């Protein structure tokens, strides 16, 4: 059963990762929270709520993709440490990075934009 990844989890600079989510919070409620914060300046492209196994339990984590890099940065600041249903949300930008799949080419970073 289950597991395995896929191509859809390559988050870009417009995506924020949200942890500290109350178990009862739904993806729709989380999306509405983000939409309320960015109304008038941007929009939410997607909100994916996943459960990750950590520390012996299941932890909900969300990936919210905004319509621009600037909006993602703004909402990360506005919603980080916000109390939602008695839990403190932790919102952080996702760093764009290549997936480590079959080629483990870590040396690329050293000679690209050195100057």
N, C-alpha and C. Protein backbone atom coordinates (compact mmCIF):
# COMPACT_ATOMS: atom_id res chain seq x y z
N UNK A 1 0.65 -1.21 0.00
CA UNK A 1 0.00 0.00 0.00
C UNK A 1 0.70 1.31 0.00
N UNK A 2 0.11 2.29 -0.31
CA UNK A 2 0.35 3.71 -0.30
C UNK A 2 1.77 4.19 -0.48
N UNK A 3 1.98 5.42 -0.31
CA UNK A 3 3.29 6.00 -0.36
C UNK A 3 3.66 6.41 -1.74
N UNK A 4 4.77 6.82 -1.94
CA UNK A 4 5.32 7.08 -3.22
C UNK A 4 5.36 8.41 -3.79
N UNK A 5 5.18 9.48 -3.57
CA UNK A 5 5.56 10.66 -4.31
C UNK A 5 4.82 10.85 -5.60
N UNK A 6 5.42 11.46 -6.52
CA UNK A 6 4.80 11.79 -7.79
C UNK A 6 5.32 13.14 -8.19
N UNK A 7 4.91 13.60 -9.34
CA UNK A 7 5.46 14.84 -9.86
C UNK A 7 4.82 16.09 -9.31
N UNK A 8 3.71 15.97 -8.60
CA UNK A 8 2.99 17.16 -8.21
C UNK A 8 3.54 17.85 -6.97
N UNK A 9 4.57 17.28 -6.35
CA UNK A 9 5.04 17.89 -5.12
C UNK A 9 6.30 18.72 -5.32
N UNK A 10 6.46 19.30 -6.50
CA UNK A 10 7.58 20.18 -6.76
C UNK A 10 7.10 21.60 -6.53
N UNK A 11 7.24 22.08 -5.31
CA UNK A 11 6.71 23.41 -4.97
C UNK A 11 7.67 24.47 -5.46
N UNK A 12 7.12 25.61 -5.85
CA UNK A 12 7.95 26.69 -6.35
C UNK A 12 8.01 27.84 -5.34
N UNK A 13 8.59 28.94 -5.76
CA UNK A 13 8.78 30.07 -4.86
C UNK A 13 7.46 30.73 -4.45
N UNK A 14 6.37 30.41 -5.15
CA UNK A 14 5.06 30.98 -4.82
C UNK A 14 4.33 30.13 -3.79
N UNK A 15 4.97 29.08 -3.29
CA UNK A 15 4.32 28.16 -2.36
C UNK A 15 4.85 28.33 -0.95
N UNK A 16 3.93 28.26 0.02
CA UNK A 16 4.32 28.27 1.42
C UNK A 16 3.92 26.93 2.05
N UNK A 17 4.71 26.51 3.03
CA UNK A 17 4.44 25.28 3.77
C UNK A 17 3.88 25.67 5.12
N UNK A 18 2.77 25.04 5.48
CA UNK A 18 2.08 25.39 6.72
C UNK A 18 2.07 24.18 7.64
N UNK A 19 2.59 24.35 8.85
CA UNK A 19 2.55 23.29 9.86
C UNK A 19 1.88 23.87 11.11
N UNK A 20 1.70 23.02 12.12
CA UNK A 20 1.03 23.47 13.34
C UNK A 20 -0.47 23.57 13.14
N UNK A 21 -1.00 22.81 12.20
CA UNK A 21 -2.42 22.88 11.85
C UNK A 21 -3.25 22.04 12.80
N UNK A 22 -4.34 22.60 13.30
CA UNK A 22 -5.26 21.83 14.14
C UNK A 22 -5.84 20.68 13.32
N UNK A 23 -5.95 19.50 13.94
CA UNK A 23 -6.40 18.31 13.22
C UNK A 23 -7.78 18.49 12.60
N UNK A 24 -8.64 19.30 13.22
CA UNK A 24 -10.00 19.47 12.73
C UNK A 24 -10.11 20.46 11.57
N UNK A 25 -9.04 21.20 11.28
CA UNK A 25 -9.08 22.21 10.22
C UNK A 25 -9.08 21.53 8.85
N UNK A 26 -10.01 21.94 7.99
CA UNK A 26 -10.09 21.34 6.65
C UNK A 26 -9.29 22.18 5.65
N UNK A 27 -9.01 21.59 4.49
CA UNK A 27 -8.30 22.31 3.43
C UNK A 27 -9.10 23.54 2.98
N UNK A 28 -10.43 23.41 2.92
CA UNK A 28 -11.27 24.54 2.51
C UNK A 28 -11.18 25.69 3.51
N UNK A 29 -11.17 25.37 4.80
CA UNK A 29 -11.07 26.41 5.82
C UNK A 29 -9.70 27.10 5.76
N UNK A 30 -8.67 26.29 5.55
CA UNK A 30 -7.32 26.86 5.46
C UNK A 30 -7.21 27.76 4.24
N UNK A 31 -7.76 27.29 3.13
CA UNK A 31 -7.74 28.10 1.90
C UNK A 31 -8.47 29.43 2.12
N UNK A 32 -9.63 29.37 2.79
CA UNK A 32 -10.41 30.59 3.06
C UNK A 32 -9.60 31.57 3.92
N UNK A 33 -8.85 31.05 4.89
CA UNK A 33 -8.00 31.89 5.74
C UNK A 33 -6.96 32.63 4.90
N UNK A 34 -6.31 31.89 3.99
CA UNK A 34 -5.31 32.50 3.12
C UNK A 34 -5.95 33.49 2.14
N UNK A 35 -7.10 33.12 1.59
CA UNK A 35 -7.78 34.01 0.64
C UNK A 35 -8.17 35.33 1.29
N UNK A 36 -8.60 35.28 2.55
CA UNK A 36 -8.98 36.50 3.27
C UNK A 36 -7.77 37.43 3.43
N UNK A 37 -6.58 36.85 3.66
CA UNK A 37 -5.37 37.66 3.85
C UNK A 37 -4.88 38.29 2.56
N UNK A 38 -5.06 37.62 1.42
CA UNK A 38 -4.49 38.14 0.17
C UNK A 38 -5.51 38.86 -0.71
N UNK A 39 -6.76 38.92 -0.25
CA UNK A 39 -7.82 39.57 -1.04
C UNK A 39 -7.40 40.97 -1.43
N UNK A 40 -7.53 41.29 -2.69
CA UNK A 40 -7.18 42.61 -3.17
C UNK A 40 -5.75 42.73 -3.68
N UNK A 41 -4.88 41.82 -3.28
CA UNK A 41 -3.48 41.88 -3.74
C UNK A 41 -3.05 40.63 -4.50
N UNK A 42 -3.78 39.54 -4.32
CA UNK A 42 -3.40 38.30 -4.98
C UNK A 42 -4.46 37.25 -4.78
N UNK A 43 -4.13 36.03 -5.18
CA UNK A 43 -5.09 34.94 -5.03
C UNK A 43 -4.39 33.63 -4.71
N UNK A 44 -5.17 32.70 -4.21
CA UNK A 44 -4.67 31.36 -3.87
C UNK A 44 -4.88 30.46 -5.09
N UNK A 45 -3.78 29.92 -5.62
CA UNK A 45 -3.89 29.00 -6.77
C UNK A 45 -4.27 27.61 -6.33
N UNK A 46 -3.71 27.15 -5.21
CA UNK A 46 -4.06 25.82 -4.71
C UNK A 46 -3.75 25.71 -3.24
N UNK A 47 -4.43 24.77 -2.60
CA UNK A 47 -4.19 24.48 -1.18
C UNK A 47 -4.29 22.98 -1.02
N UNK A 48 -3.17 22.35 -0.72
CA UNK A 48 -3.11 20.89 -0.58
C UNK A 48 -2.80 20.56 0.87
N UNK A 49 -3.67 19.79 1.49
CA UNK A 49 -3.47 19.38 2.88
C UNK A 49 -3.07 17.92 2.88
N UNK A 50 -1.93 17.62 3.46
CA UNK A 50 -1.44 16.24 3.51
C UNK A 50 -1.16 15.88 4.96
N UNK A 51 -1.13 14.60 5.24
CA UNK A 51 -0.74 14.17 6.59
C UNK A 51 0.59 13.46 6.49
N UNK A 52 1.50 13.87 7.36
CA UNK A 52 2.83 13.28 7.39
C UNK A 52 3.00 12.55 8.71
N UNK A 53 3.65 11.42 8.65
CA UNK A 53 3.94 10.67 9.88
C UNK A 53 5.21 11.23 10.49
N UNK A 54 5.09 11.77 11.70
CA UNK A 54 6.25 12.35 12.38
C UNK A 54 6.13 12.11 13.87
N UNK A 55 7.24 11.87 14.50
CA UNK A 55 7.30 11.77 15.97
C UNK A 55 6.24 10.82 16.51
N UNK A 56 6.00 9.73 15.82
CA UNK A 56 5.05 8.74 16.32
C UNK A 56 3.59 9.08 16.11
N UNK A 57 3.30 10.20 15.46
CA UNK A 57 1.91 10.56 15.20
C UNK A 57 1.74 11.05 13.78
N UNK A 58 0.54 11.46 13.46
CA UNK A 58 0.26 11.99 12.14
C UNK A 58 0.09 13.50 12.25
N UNK A 59 0.86 14.23 11.46
CA UNK A 59 0.86 15.69 11.52
C UNK A 59 0.32 16.26 10.21
N UNK A 60 -0.75 17.07 10.27
CA UNK A 60 -1.22 17.71 9.03
C UNK A 60 -0.25 18.81 8.59
N UNK A 61 0.04 18.83 7.31
CA UNK A 61 0.88 19.86 6.71
C UNK A 61 0.17 20.33 5.45
N UNK A 62 0.21 21.63 5.19
CA UNK A 62 -0.43 22.16 3.98
C UNK A 62 0.60 22.85 3.12
N UNK A 63 0.36 22.80 1.82
CA UNK A 63 1.15 23.54 0.85
C UNK A 63 0.18 24.46 0.12
N UNK A 64 0.37 25.77 0.30
CA UNK A 64 -0.53 26.75 -0.30
C UNK A 64 0.26 27.51 -1.36
N UNK A 65 -0.24 27.46 -2.60
CA UNK A 65 0.42 28.15 -3.70
C UNK A 65 -0.34 29.42 -4.03
N UNK A 66 0.39 30.53 -4.02
CA UNK A 66 -0.19 31.83 -4.31
C UNK A 66 0.11 32.21 -5.75
N UNK A 67 -0.47 33.31 -6.22
CA UNK A 67 -0.29 33.67 -7.63
C UNK A 67 1.01 34.41 -7.92
N UNK A 68 1.75 34.81 -6.89
CA UNK A 68 3.05 35.43 -7.14
C UNK A 68 3.98 35.23 -5.95
N UNK A 69 5.25 35.38 -6.25
CA UNK A 69 6.30 35.27 -5.25
C UNK A 69 6.11 36.33 -4.16
N UNK A 70 5.77 37.54 -4.56
CA UNK A 70 5.60 38.63 -3.60
C UNK A 70 4.43 38.36 -2.64
N UNK A 71 3.33 37.84 -3.17
CA UNK A 71 2.17 37.53 -2.34
C UNK A 71 2.50 36.39 -1.37
N UNK A 72 3.25 35.41 -1.84
CA UNK A 72 3.66 34.30 -0.97
C UNK A 72 4.50 34.82 0.20
N UNK A 73 5.41 35.73 -0.08
CA UNK A 73 6.24 36.30 0.98
C UNK A 73 5.42 37.10 1.97
N UNK A 74 4.47 37.88 1.46
CA UNK A 74 3.62 38.70 2.32
C UNK A 74 2.77 37.82 3.24
N UNK A 75 2.12 36.80 2.67
CA UNK A 75 1.21 35.97 3.47
C UNK A 75 1.98 35.12 4.48
N UNK A 76 3.21 34.76 4.14
CA UNK A 76 4.03 34.00 5.09
C UNK A 76 4.29 34.84 6.34
N UNK A 77 4.54 36.14 6.14
CA UNK A 77 4.77 37.04 7.27
C UNK A 77 3.47 37.27 8.06
N UNK A 78 2.38 37.49 7.34
CA UNK A 78 1.11 37.81 8.00
C UNK A 78 0.54 36.65 8.81
N UNK A 79 0.67 35.43 8.29
CA UNK A 79 0.03 34.29 8.95
C UNK A 79 0.95 33.46 9.83
N UNK A 80 2.25 33.67 9.75
CA UNK A 80 3.15 32.90 10.60
C UNK A 80 2.87 33.22 12.07
N UNK A 81 2.75 32.18 12.87
CA UNK A 81 2.48 32.27 14.31
C UNK A 81 1.07 32.75 14.63
N UNK A 82 0.17 32.73 13.65
CA UNK A 82 -1.23 33.11 13.89
C UNK A 82 -1.90 31.95 14.64
N UNK A 83 -2.68 32.28 15.66
CA UNK A 83 -3.40 31.27 16.41
C UNK A 83 -4.69 30.91 15.66
N UNK A 84 -4.81 29.66 15.28
CA UNK A 84 -6.01 29.18 14.58
C UNK A 84 -6.48 27.92 15.29
N UNK A 85 -7.65 28.03 15.91
CA UNK A 85 -8.23 26.92 16.68
C UNK A 85 -7.29 26.40 17.76
N UNK A 86 -6.64 27.32 18.44
CA UNK A 86 -5.79 26.94 19.55
C UNK A 86 -4.42 26.39 19.17
N UNK A 87 -4.09 26.41 17.90
CA UNK A 87 -2.76 25.97 17.45
C UNK A 87 -2.07 27.13 16.75
N UNK A 88 -0.77 27.22 16.92
CA UNK A 88 0.00 28.28 16.26
C UNK A 88 0.47 27.79 14.90
N UNK A 89 -0.04 28.43 13.85
CA UNK A 89 0.39 28.07 12.49
C UNK A 89 1.83 28.49 12.29
N UNK A 90 2.60 27.67 11.64
CA UNK A 90 3.95 28.04 11.23
C UNK A 90 3.95 28.04 9.71
N UNK A 91 4.19 29.21 9.15
CA UNK A 91 4.12 29.38 7.70
C UNK A 91 5.49 29.79 7.19
N UNK A 92 6.03 29.02 6.26
CA UNK A 92 7.37 29.31 5.73
C UNK A 92 7.37 29.13 4.22
N UNK A 93 8.16 29.94 3.55
CA UNK A 93 8.30 29.82 2.10
C UNK A 93 8.94 28.49 1.76
N UNK A 94 8.51 27.88 0.67
CA UNK A 94 9.16 26.68 0.14
C UNK A 94 10.27 27.15 -0.78
N UNK A 95 11.46 26.66 -0.54
CA UNK A 95 12.57 27.01 -1.43
C UNK A 95 12.45 26.20 -2.70
N UNK A 96 12.53 26.84 -3.87
CA UNK A 96 12.49 26.06 -5.09
C UNK A 96 13.74 25.20 -5.17
N UNK A 97 13.57 23.92 -5.36
CA UNK A 97 14.74 23.06 -5.48
C UNK A 97 14.39 21.87 -6.34
N UNK A 98 15.37 21.36 -6.99
CA UNK A 98 15.16 20.20 -7.86
C UNK A 98 14.95 18.97 -7.00
N UNK A 99 14.16 18.07 -7.50
CA UNK A 99 13.95 16.82 -6.79
C UNK A 99 15.18 15.96 -6.86
N UNK A 100 15.48 15.28 -5.79
CA UNK A 100 16.57 14.31 -5.81
C UNK A 100 15.94 13.01 -6.27
N UNK A 101 16.16 12.65 -7.50
CA UNK A 101 15.58 11.41 -7.98
C UNK A 101 16.70 10.47 -8.36
N UNK A 102 16.90 10.24 -9.65
CA UNK A 102 17.92 9.30 -10.06
C UNK A 102 19.30 9.92 -10.14
N UNK A 103 19.41 11.17 -10.58
CA UNK A 103 20.73 11.81 -10.60
C UNK A 103 20.89 12.62 -9.34
N UNK A 104 21.94 12.34 -8.64
CA UNK A 104 22.22 13.08 -7.42
C UNK A 104 23.31 14.10 -7.74
N UNK A 105 22.97 15.10 -8.50
CA UNK A 105 23.94 16.07 -9.00
C UNK A 105 24.03 17.26 -8.08
N UNK A 106 24.70 17.13 -6.98
CA UNK A 106 24.79 18.25 -6.04
C UNK A 106 25.83 19.28 -6.46
N UNK A 107 26.74 18.91 -7.36
CA UNK A 107 27.82 19.81 -7.73
C UNK A 107 27.37 20.97 -8.60
N UNK A 108 26.19 20.86 -9.20
CA UNK A 108 25.69 21.92 -10.08
C UNK A 108 25.68 23.28 -9.42
N UNK A 109 25.33 23.32 -8.14
CA UNK A 109 25.19 24.60 -7.46
C UNK A 109 26.50 25.37 -7.40
N UNK A 110 27.63 24.67 -7.37
CA UNK A 110 28.90 25.33 -7.16
C UNK A 110 29.37 26.13 -8.35
N UNK A 111 29.08 25.65 -9.59
CA UNK A 111 29.68 26.38 -10.71
C UNK A 111 28.68 27.16 -11.55
N UNK A 112 27.45 27.33 -11.10
CA UNK A 112 26.47 28.06 -11.91
C UNK A 112 26.70 29.57 -11.88
N UNK A 113 26.27 30.21 -10.80
CA UNK A 113 26.33 31.67 -10.72
C UNK A 113 27.32 32.08 -9.65
N UNK A 114 28.59 31.87 -9.93
CA UNK A 114 29.58 32.11 -8.90
C UNK A 114 29.88 33.58 -8.70
N UNK A 115 29.77 34.37 -9.75
CA UNK A 115 30.11 35.77 -9.57
C UNK A 115 28.94 36.63 -9.62
